[in-house]
Amino acid sequence: MPTVAIVEGVRIIFYADEHPPPHFHARFAEHTAQVKIDPVEILKGSLPPNKEAVVMNWARAHRDELIVAWLDMEADRKPAKIE
């Protein structure tokens, strides 16, 4: 489960052998959300409202890099860190 970024304390994680649609997991303390990459939206779970807003804006700004990370995971490659 590679962490590709930490956004204001929220870990952005990809898991191997995931199912479509392309998505990532965002973890903050006891909160977890599964976030679709395109369009950016919460598929399930939740984050505190202020953290959710930050993660959603970050994901929109890094959509292309997130798609590359998803494709890397599908190809059994470790995704690169996203700044």
PDB file of N, CA and C in Angstrom:
ATOM      1  N   MET A   1       0.827  -1.183   0.000  1.00  0.00           N
ATOM      2  CA  MET A   1       0.000   0.000   0.000  1.00  0.00           C
ATOM      3  C   MET A   1       0.867   1.240   0.000  1.00  0.00           C
ATOM      4  N   PRO A   2       1.348   1.634  -1.158  1.00  0.00           N
ATOM      5  CA  PRO A   2       2.220   2.798  -1.232  1.00  0.00           C
ATOM      6  C   PRO A   2       1.488   4.111  -0.940  1.00  0.00           C
ATOM      7  N   THR A   3       2.116   4.910  -0.096  1.00  0.00           N
ATOM      8  CA  THR A   3       1.649   6.274   0.138  1.00  0.00           C
ATOM      9  C   THR A   3       2.339   7.148  -0.901  1.00  0.00           C
ATOM     10  N   VAL A   4       1.549   7.810  -1.748  1.00  0.00           N
ATOM     11  CA  VAL A   4       2.147   8.634  -2.802  1.00  0.00           C
ATOM     12  C   VAL A   4       2.250  10.105  -2.402  1.00  0.00           C
ATOM     13  N   ALA A   5       1.498  10.501  -1.368  1.00  0.00           N
ATOM     14  CA  ALA A   5       1.558  11.895  -0.928  1.00  0.00           C
ATOM     15  C   ALA A   5       0.956  11.994   0.473  1.00  0.00           C
ATOM     16  N   ILE A   6       1.313  13.061   1.148  1.00  0.00           N
ATOM     17  CA  ILE A   6       0.660  13.433   2.396  1.00  0.00           C
ATOM     18  C   ILE A   6       0.226  14.871   2.219  1.00  0.00           C
ATOM     19  N   VAL A   7      -1.073  15.088   2.295  1.00  0.00           N
ATOM     20  CA  VAL A   7      -1.672  16.400   2.033  1.00  0.00           C
ATOM     21  C   VAL A   7      -2.280  16.907   3.336  1.00  0.00           C
ATOM     22  N   GLU A   8      -1.618  17.877   3.942  1.00  0.00           N
ATOM     23  CA  GLU A   8      -2.054  18.431   5.230  1.00  0.00           C
ATOM     24  C   GLU A   8      -2.414  17.338   6.226  1.00  0.00           C
ATOM     25  N   GLY A   9      -1.540  16.355   6.331  1.00  0.00           N
ATOM     26  CA  GLY A   9      -1.723  15.279   7.295  1.00  0.00           C
ATOM     27  C   GLY A   9      -2.555  14.108   6.806  1.00  0.00           C
ATOM     28  N   VAL A  10      -3.123  14.201   5.618  1.00  0.00           N
ATOM     29  CA  VAL A  10      -3.938  13.123   5.050  1.00  0.00           C
ATOM     30  C   VAL A  10      -3.051  12.293   4.129  1.00  0.00           C
ATOM     31  N   ARG A  11      -2.964  10.989   4.407  1.00  0.00           N
ATOM     32  CA  ARG A  11      -2.169  10.091   3.567  1.00  0.00           C
ATOM     33  C   ARG A  11      -2.959   9.711   2.323  1.00  0.00           C
ATOM     34  N   ILE A  12      -2.325   9.819   1.169  1.00  0.00           N
ATOM     35  CA  ILE A  12      -2.923   9.424  -0.110  1.00  0.00           C
ATOM     36  C   ILE A  12      -2.283   8.092  -0.482  1.00  0.00           C
ATOM     37  N   ILE A  13      -3.112   7.050  -0.549  1.00  0.00           N
ATOM     38  CA  ILE A  13      -2.628   5.675  -0.645  1.00  0.00           C
ATOM     39  C   ILE A  13      -3.269   4.962  -1.831  1.00  0.00           C
ATOM     40  N   PHE A  14      -2.478   4.120  -2.476  1.00  0.00           N
ATOM     41  CA  PHE A  14      -2.997   3.193  -3.488  1.00  0.00           C
ATOM     42  C   PHE A  14      -2.786   1.776  -2.986  1.00  0.00           C
ATOM     43  N   TYR A  15      -3.734   0.908  -3.252  1.00  0.00           N
ATOM     44  CA  TYR A  15      -3.618  -0.509  -2.901  1.00  0.00           C
ATOM     45  C   TYR A  15      -3.453  -1.322  -4.177  1.00  0.00           C
ATOM     46  N   ALA A  16      -2.655  -2.376  -4.093  1.00  0.00           N
ATOM     47  CA  ALA A  16      -2.488  -3.285  -5.230  1.00  0.00           C
ATOM     48  C   ALA A  16      -3.781  -4.057  -5.453  1.00  0.00           C
ATOM     49  N   ASP A  17      -3.991  -4.502  -6.687  1.00  0.00           N
ATOM     50  CA  ASP A  17      -5.147  -5.335  -7.046  1.00  0.00           C
ATOM     51  C   ASP A  17      -6.483  -4.662  -6.744  1.00  0.00           C
ATOM     52  N   GLU A  18      -6.560  -3.374  -6.969  1.00  0.00           N
ATOM     53  CA  GLU A  18      -7.825  -2.657  -6.780  1.00  0.00           C
ATOM     54  C   GLU A  18      -8.699  -2.818  -8.012  1.00  0.00           C
ATOM     55  N   HIS A  19      -9.922  -2.469  -7.850  1.00  0.00           N
ATOM     56  CA  HIS A  19     -10.934  -2.562  -8.899  1.00  0.00           C
ATOM     57  C   HIS A  19     -11.196  -1.183  -9.482  1.00  0.00           C
ATOM     58  N   PRO A  20     -11.645  -1.121 -10.746  1.00  0.00           N
ATOM     59  CA  PRO A  20     -12.060   0.170 -11.309  1.00  0.00           C
ATOM     60  C   PRO A  20     -13.298   0.678 -10.563  1.00  0.00           C
ATOM     61  N   PRO A  21     -13.590   1.936 -10.639  1.00  0.00           N
ATOM     62  CA  PRO A  21     -12.912   2.997 -11.381  1.00  0.00           C
ATOM     63  C   PRO A  21     -11.612   3.395 -10.674  1.00  0.00           C
ATOM     64  N   PRO A  22     -10.720   4.054 -11.427  1.00  0.00           N
ATOM     65  CA  PRO A  22      -9.475   4.521 -10.813  1.00  0.00           C
ATOM     66  C   PRO A  22      -9.765   5.393  -9.582  1.00  0.00           C
ATOM     67  N   HIS A  23      -9.116   5.052  -8.473  1.00  0.00           N
ATOM     68  CA  HIS A  23      -9.359   5.779  -7.231  1.00  0.00           C
ATOM     69  C   HIS A  23      -8.162   5.619  -6.306  1.00  0.00           C
ATOM     70  N   PHE A  24      -8.161   6.417  -5.244  1.00  0.00           N
ATOM     71  CA  PHE A  24      -7.161   6.300  -4.194  1.00  0.00           C
ATOM     72  C   PHE A  24      -7.876   6.319  -2.856  1.00  0.00           C
ATOM     73  N   HIS A  25      -7.127   6.019  -1.823  1.00  0.00           N
ATOM     74  CA  HIS A  25      -7.662   6.049  -0.470  1.00  0.00           C
ATOM     75  C   HIS A  25      -7.007   7.204   0.272  1.00  0.00           C
ATOM     76  N   ALA A  26      -7.797   7.950   0.999  1.00  0.00           N
ATOM     77  CA  ALA A  26      -7.300   9.061   1.806  1.00  0.00           C
ATOM     78  C   ALA A  26      -7.543   8.699   3.269  1.00  0.00           C
ATOM     79  N   ARG A  27      -6.481   8.727   4.084  1.00  0.00           N
ATOM     80  CA  ARG A  27      -6.584   8.340   5.494  1.00  0.00           C
ATOM     81  C   ARG A  27      -6.114   9.485   6.375  1.00  0.00           C
ATOM     82  N   PHE A  28      -6.945   9.805   7.354  1.00  0.00           N
ATOM     83  CA  PHE A  28      -6.608  10.829   8.340  1.00  0.00           C
ATOM     84  C   PHE A  28      -7.158  10.362   9.685  1.00  0.00           C
ATOM     85  N   ALA A  29      -6.258  10.050  10.613  1.00  0.00           N
ATOM     86  CA  ALA A  29      -6.647   9.520  11.927  1.00  0.00           C
ATOM     87  C   ALA A  29      -7.563   8.314  11.712  1.00  0.00           C
ATOM     88  N   GLU A  30      -8.755   8.320  12.284  1.00  0.00           N
ATOM     89  CA  GLU A  30      -9.679   7.187  12.127  1.00  0.00           C
ATOM     90  C   GLU A  30     -10.577   7.317  10.904  1.00  0.00           C
ATOM     91  N   HIS A  31     -10.385   8.345  10.103  1.00  0.00           N
ATOM     92  CA  HIS A  31     -11.218   8.597   8.926  1.00  0.00           C
ATOM     93  C   HIS A  31     -10.561   8.034   7.663  1.00  0.00           C
ATOM     94  N   THR A  32     -11.377   7.414   6.827  1.00  0.00           N
ATOM     95  CA  THR A  32     -10.897   6.890   5.549  1.00  0.00           C
ATOM     96  C   THR A  32     -11.932   7.187   4.475  1.00  0.00           C
ATOM     97  N   ALA A  33     -11.468   7.619   3.326  1.00  0.00           N
ATOM     98  CA  ALA A  33     -12.356   7.849   2.184  1.00  0.00           C
ATOM     99  C   ALA A  33     -11.726   7.240   0.942  1.00  0.00           C
ATOM    100  N   GLN A  34     -12.579   6.702   0.096  1.00  0.00           N
ATOM    101  CA  GLN A  34     -12.158   6.198  -1.210  1.00  0.00           C
ATOM    102  C   GLN A  34     -12.558   7.285  -2.209  1.00  0.00           C
ATOM    103  N   VAL A  35     -11.583   7.804  -2.955  1.00  0.00           N
ATOM    104  CA  VAL A  35     -11.814   8.971  -3.809  1.00  0.00           C
ATOM    105  C   VAL A  35     -11.580   8.598  -5.275  1.00  0.00           C
ATOM    106  N   LYS A  36     -12.616   8.761  -6.081  1.00  0.00           N
ATOM    107  CA  LYS A  36     -12.509   8.542  -7.528  1.00  0.00           C
ATOM    108  C   LYS A  36     -11.642   9.657  -8.110  1.00  0.00           C
ATOM    109  N   ILE A  37     -10.844   9.309  -9.111  1.00  0.00           N
ATOM    110  CA  ILE A  37      -9.890  10.273  -9.672  1.00  0.00           C
ATOM    111  C   ILE A  37     -10.513  11.143 -10.759  1.00  0.00           C
ATOM    112  N   ASP A  38     -11.358  10.587 -11.606  1.00  0.00           N
ATOM    113  CA  ASP A  38     -11.922  11.387 -12.703  1.00  0.00           C
ATOM    114  C   ASP A  38     -13.358  10.988 -12.989  1.00  0.00           C
ATOM    115  N   PRO A  39     -14.305  11.846 -12.633  1.00  0.00           N
ATOM    116  CA  PRO A  39     -14.140  13.115 -11.921  1.00  0.00           C
ATOM    117  C   PRO A  39     -13.855  12.854 -10.448  1.00  0.00           C
ATOM    118  N   VAL A  40     -13.225  13.822  -9.812  1.00  0.00           N
ATOM    119  CA  VAL A  40     -12.876  13.690  -8.398  1.00  0.00           C
ATOM    120  C   VAL A  40     -14.159  13.729  -7.576  1.00  0.00           C
ATOM    121  N   GLU A  41     -14.401  12.616  -6.862  1.00  0.00           N
ATOM    122  CA  GLU A  41     -15.568  12.542  -5.981  1.00  0.00           C
ATOM    123  C   GLU A  41     -15.362  11.426  -4.971  1.00  0.00           C
ATOM    124  N   ILE A  42     -16.014  11.549  -3.829  1.00  0.00           N
ATOM    125  CA  ILE A  42     -15.944  10.522  -2.792  1.00  0.00           C
ATOM    126  C   ILE A  42     -16.813   9.348  -3.222  1.00  0.00           C
ATOM    127  N   LEU A  43     -16.215   8.154  -3.268  1.00  0.00           N
ATOM    128  CA  LEU A  43     -16.970   6.941  -3.585  1.00  0.00           C
ATOM    129  C   LEU A  43     -17.572   6.345  -2.322  1.00  0.00           C
ATOM    130  N   LYS A  44     -16.780   6.307  -1.259  1.00  0.00           N
ATOM    131  CA  LYS A  44     -17.300   5.844   0.028  1.00  0.00           C
ATOM    132  C   LYS A  44     -16.403   6.334   1.141  1.00  0.00           C
ATOM    133  N   GLY A  45     -16.938   6.326   2.330  1.00  0.00           N
ATOM    134  CA  GLY A  45     -16.216   6.812   3.491  1.00  0.00           C
ATOM    135  C   GLY A  45     -16.307   8.320   3.603  1.00  0.00           C
ATOM    136  N   SER A  46     -15.505   8.864   4.502  1.00  0.00           N
ATOM    137  CA  SER A  46     -15.537  10.314   4.703  1.00  0.00           C
ATOM    138  C   SER A  46     -14.272  10.778   5.413  1.00  0.00           C
ATOM    139  N   LEU A  47     -14.040  12.062   5.299  1.00  0.00           N
ATOM    140  CA  LEU A  47     -12.976  12.755   6.001  1.00  0.00           C
ATOM    141  C   LEU A  47     -13.613  13.937   6.720  1.00  0.00           C
ATOM    142  N   PRO A  48     -12.938  14.522   7.718  1.00  0.00           N
ATOM    143  CA  PRO A  48     -13.465  15.753   8.292  1.00  0.00           C
ATOM    144  C   PRO A  48     -13.638  16.788   7.170  1.00  0.00           C
ATOM    145  N   PRO A  49     -14.673  17.610   7.222  1.00  0.00           N
ATOM    146  CA  PRO A  49     -14.964  18.541   6.120  1.00  0.00           C
ATOM    147  C   PRO A  49     -13.782  19.386   5.658  1.00  0.00           C
ATOM    148  N   ASN A  50     -12.995  19.918   6.580  1.00  0.00           N
ATOM    149  CA  ASN A  50     -11.863  20.753   6.154  1.00  0.00           C
ATOM    150  C   ASN A  50     -10.807  19.925   5.432  1.00  0.00           C
ATOM    151  N   LYS A  51     -10.568  18.697   5.869  1.00  0.00           N
ATOM    152  CA  LYS A  51      -9.591  17.823   5.202  1.00  0.00           C
ATOM    153  C   LYS A  51     -10.136  17.339   3.864  1.00  0.00           C
ATOM    154  N   GLU A  52     -11.420  17.050   3.809  1.00  0.00           N
ATOM    155  CA  GLU A  52     -12.022  16.617   2.536  1.00  0.00           C
ATOM    156  C   GLU A  52     -11.846  17.690   1.469  1.00  0.00           C
ATOM    157  N   ALA A  53     -12.103  18.938   1.806  1.00  0.00           N
ATOM    158  CA  ALA A  53     -11.977  20.034   0.840  1.00  0.00           C
ATOM    159  C   ALA A  53     -10.536  20.143   0.334  1.00  0.00           C
ATOM    160  N   VAL A  54      -9.570  20.031   1.226  1.00  0.00           N
ATOM    161  CA  VAL A  54      -8.164  20.124   0.835  1.00  0.00           C
ATOM    162  C   VAL A  54      -7.792  18.970  -0.095  1.00  0.00           C
ATOM    163  N   VAL A  55      -8.198  17.750   0.258  1.00  0.00           N
ATOM    164  CA  VAL A  55      -7.869  16.573  -0.556  1.00  0.00           C
ATOM    165  C   VAL A  55      -8.529  16.660  -1.927  1.00  0.00           C
ATOM    166  N   MET A  56      -9.776  17.073  -1.977  1.00  0.00           N
ATOM    167  CA  MET A  56     -10.485  17.160  -3.259  1.00  0.00           C
ATOM    168  C   MET A  56      -9.812  18.195  -4.174  1.00  0.00           C
ATOM    169  N   ASN A  57      -9.456  19.347  -3.627  1.00  0.00           N
ATOM    170  CA  ASN A  57      -8.771  20.367  -4.431  1.00  0.00           C
ATOM    171  C   ASN A  57      -7.401  19.883  -4.881  1.00  0.00           C
ATOM    172  N   TRP A  58      -6.677  19.220  -3.986  1.00  0.00           N
ATOM    173  CA  TRP A  58      -5.368  18.670  -4.343  1.00  0.00           C
ATOM    174  C   TRP A  58      -5.514  17.632  -5.458  1.00  0.00           C
ATOM    175  N   ALA A  59      -6.499  16.745  -5.336  1.00  0.00           N
ATOM    176  CA  ALA A  59      -6.706  15.691  -6.340  1.00  0.00           C
ATOM    177  C   ALA A  59      -7.037  16.292  -7.709  1.00  0.00           C
ATOM    178  N   ARG A  60      -7.833  17.335  -7.732  1.00  0.00           N
ATOM    179  CA  ARG A  60      -8.152  17.981  -9.012  1.00  0.00           C
ATOM    180  C   ARG A  60      -6.882  18.556  -9.650  1.00  0.00           C
ATOM    181  N   ALA A  61      -6.020  19.136  -8.825  1.00  0.00           N
ATOM    182  CA  ALA A  61      -4.783  19.739  -9.334  1.00  0.00           C
ATOM    183  C   ALA A  61      -3.755  18.686  -9.762  1.00  0.00           C
ATOM    184  N   HIS A  62      -3.876  17.452  -9.258  1.00  0.00           N
ATOM    185  CA  HIS A  62      -2.901  16.394  -9.538  1.00  0.00           C
ATOM    186  C   HIS A  62      -3.539  15.195 -10.244  1.00  0.00           C
ATOM    187  N   ARG A  63      -4.634  15.438 -10.931  1.00  0.00           N
ATOM    188  CA  ARG A  63      -5.392  14.351 -11.569  1.00  0.00           C
ATOM    189  C   ARG A  63      -4.519  13.498 -12.495  1.00  0.00           C
ATOM    190  N   ASP A  64      -3.729  14.141 -13.348  1.00  0.00           N
ATOM    191  CA  ASP A  64      -2.893  13.387 -14.297  1.00  0.00           C
ATOM    192  C   ASP A  64      -1.890  12.496 -13.567  1.00  0.00           C
ATOM    193  N   GLU A  65      -1.255  13.018 -12.530  1.00  0.00           N
ATOM    194  CA  GLU A  65      -0.291  12.235 -11.763  1.00  0.00           C
ATOM    195  C   GLU A  65      -0.970  11.077 -11.034  1.00  0.00           C
ATOM    196  N   LEU A  66      -2.182  11.301 -10.567  1.00  0.00           N
ATOM    197  CA  LEU A  66      -2.932  10.237  -9.887  1.00  0.00           C
ATOM    198  C   LEU A  66      -3.296   9.112 -10.859  1.00  0.00           C
ATOM    199  N   ILE A  67      -3.660   9.478 -12.075  1.00  0.00           N
ATOM    200  CA  ILE A  67      -3.960   8.461 -13.098  1.00  0.00           C
ATOM    201  C   ILE A  67      -2.702   7.637 -13.394  1.00  0.00           C
ATOM    202  N   VAL A  68      -1.551   8.300 -13.509  1.00  0.00           N
ATOM    203  CA  VAL A  68      -0.298   7.576 -13.745  1.00  0.00           C
ATOM    204  C   VAL A  68      -0.018   6.626 -12.577  1.00  0.00           C
ATOM    205  N   ALA A  69      -0.248   7.071 -11.355  1.00  0.00           N
ATOM    206  CA  ALA A  69      -0.040   6.214 -10.187  1.00  0.00           C
ATOM    207  C   ALA A  69      -0.967   5.002 -10.239  1.00  0.00           C
ATOM    208  N   TRP A  70      -2.221   5.213 -10.617  1.00  0.00           N
ATOM    209  CA  TRP A  70      -3.186   4.112 -10.756  1.00  0.00           C
ATOM    210  C   TRP A  70      -2.682   3.106 -11.806  1.00  0.00           C
ATOM    211  N   LEU A  71      -2.245   3.610 -12.941  1.00  0.00           N
ATOM    212  CA  LEU A  71      -1.755   2.731 -14.008  1.00  0.00           C
ATOM    213  C   LEU A  71      -0.498   1.980 -13.571  1.00  0.00           C
ATOM    214  N   ASP A  72       0.373   2.642 -12.819  1.00  0.00           N
ATOM    215  CA  ASP A  72       1.555   1.962 -12.292  1.00  0.00           C
ATOM    216  C   ASP A  72       1.142   0.804 -11.389  1.00  0.00           C
ATOM    217  N   MET A  73       0.182   1.026 -10.511  1.00  0.00           N
ATOM    218  CA  MET A  73      -0.275  -0.037  -9.616  1.00  0.00           C
ATOM    219  C   MET A  73      -0.871  -1.193 -10.410  1.00  0.00           C
ATOM    220  N   GLU A  74      -1.640  -0.885 -11.442  1.00  0.00           N
ATOM    221  CA  GLU A  74      -2.220  -1.945 -12.273  1.00  0.00           C
ATOM    222  C   GLU A  74      -1.135  -2.772 -12.956  1.00  0.00           C
ATOM    223  N   ALA A  75      -0.003  -2.150 -13.269  1.00  0.00           N
ATOM    224  CA  ALA A  75       1.100  -2.831 -13.943  1.00  0.00           C
ATOM    225  C   ALA A  75       2.109  -3.416 -12.939  1.00  0.00           C
ATOM    226  N   ASP A  76       1.715  -3.470 -11.661  1.00  0.00           N
ATOM    227  CA  ASP A  76       2.585  -4.009 -10.606  1.00  0.00           C
ATOM    228  C   ASP A  76       3.885  -3.232 -10.444  1.00  0.00           C
ATOM    229  N   ARG A  77       3.812  -1.912 -10.698  1.00  0.00           N
ATOM    230  CA  ARG A  77       4.951  -1.024 -10.450  1.00  0.00           C
ATOM    231  C   ARG A  77       4.613  -0.124  -9.266  1.00  0.00           C
ATOM    232  N   LYS A  78       5.617   0.225  -8.514  1.00  0.00           N
ATOM    233  CA  LYS A  78       5.417   1.152  -7.395  1.00  0.00           C
ATOM    234  C   LYS A  78       5.221   2.559  -7.952  1.00  0.00           C
ATOM    235  N   PRO A  79       4.134   3.236  -7.575  1.00  0.00           N
ATOM    236  CA  PRO A  79       3.925   4.590  -8.083  1.00  0.00           C
ATOM    237  C   PRO A  79       4.901   5.591  -7.472  1.00  0.00           C
ATOM    238  N   ALA A  80       5.187   6.626  -8.243  1.00  0.00           N
ATOM    239  CA  ALA A  80       6.082   7.681  -7.779  1.00  0.00           C
ATOM    240  C   ALA A  80       5.372   8.568  -6.758  1.00  0.00           C
ATOM    241  N   LYS A  81       6.169   9.225  -5.937  1.00  0.00           N
ATOM    242  CA  LYS A  81       5.617  10.211  -5.001  1.00  0.00           C
ATOM    243  C   LYS A  81       5.077  11.387  -5.797  1.00  0.00           C
ATOM    244  N   ILE A  82       4.013  11.984  -5.282  1.00  0.00           N
ATOM    245  CA  ILE A  82       3.405  13.159  -5.913  1.00  0.00           C
ATOM    246  C   ILE A  82       3.605  14.337  -4.969  1.00  0.00           C
ATOM    247  N   GLU A  83       4.211  15.373  -5.472  1.00  0.00           N
ATOM    248  CA  GLU A  83       4.487  16.569  -4.645  1.00  0.00           C
ATOM    249  C   GLU A  83       3.294  17.492  -4.588  1.00  0.00           C
TER     250      GLU A  83
END
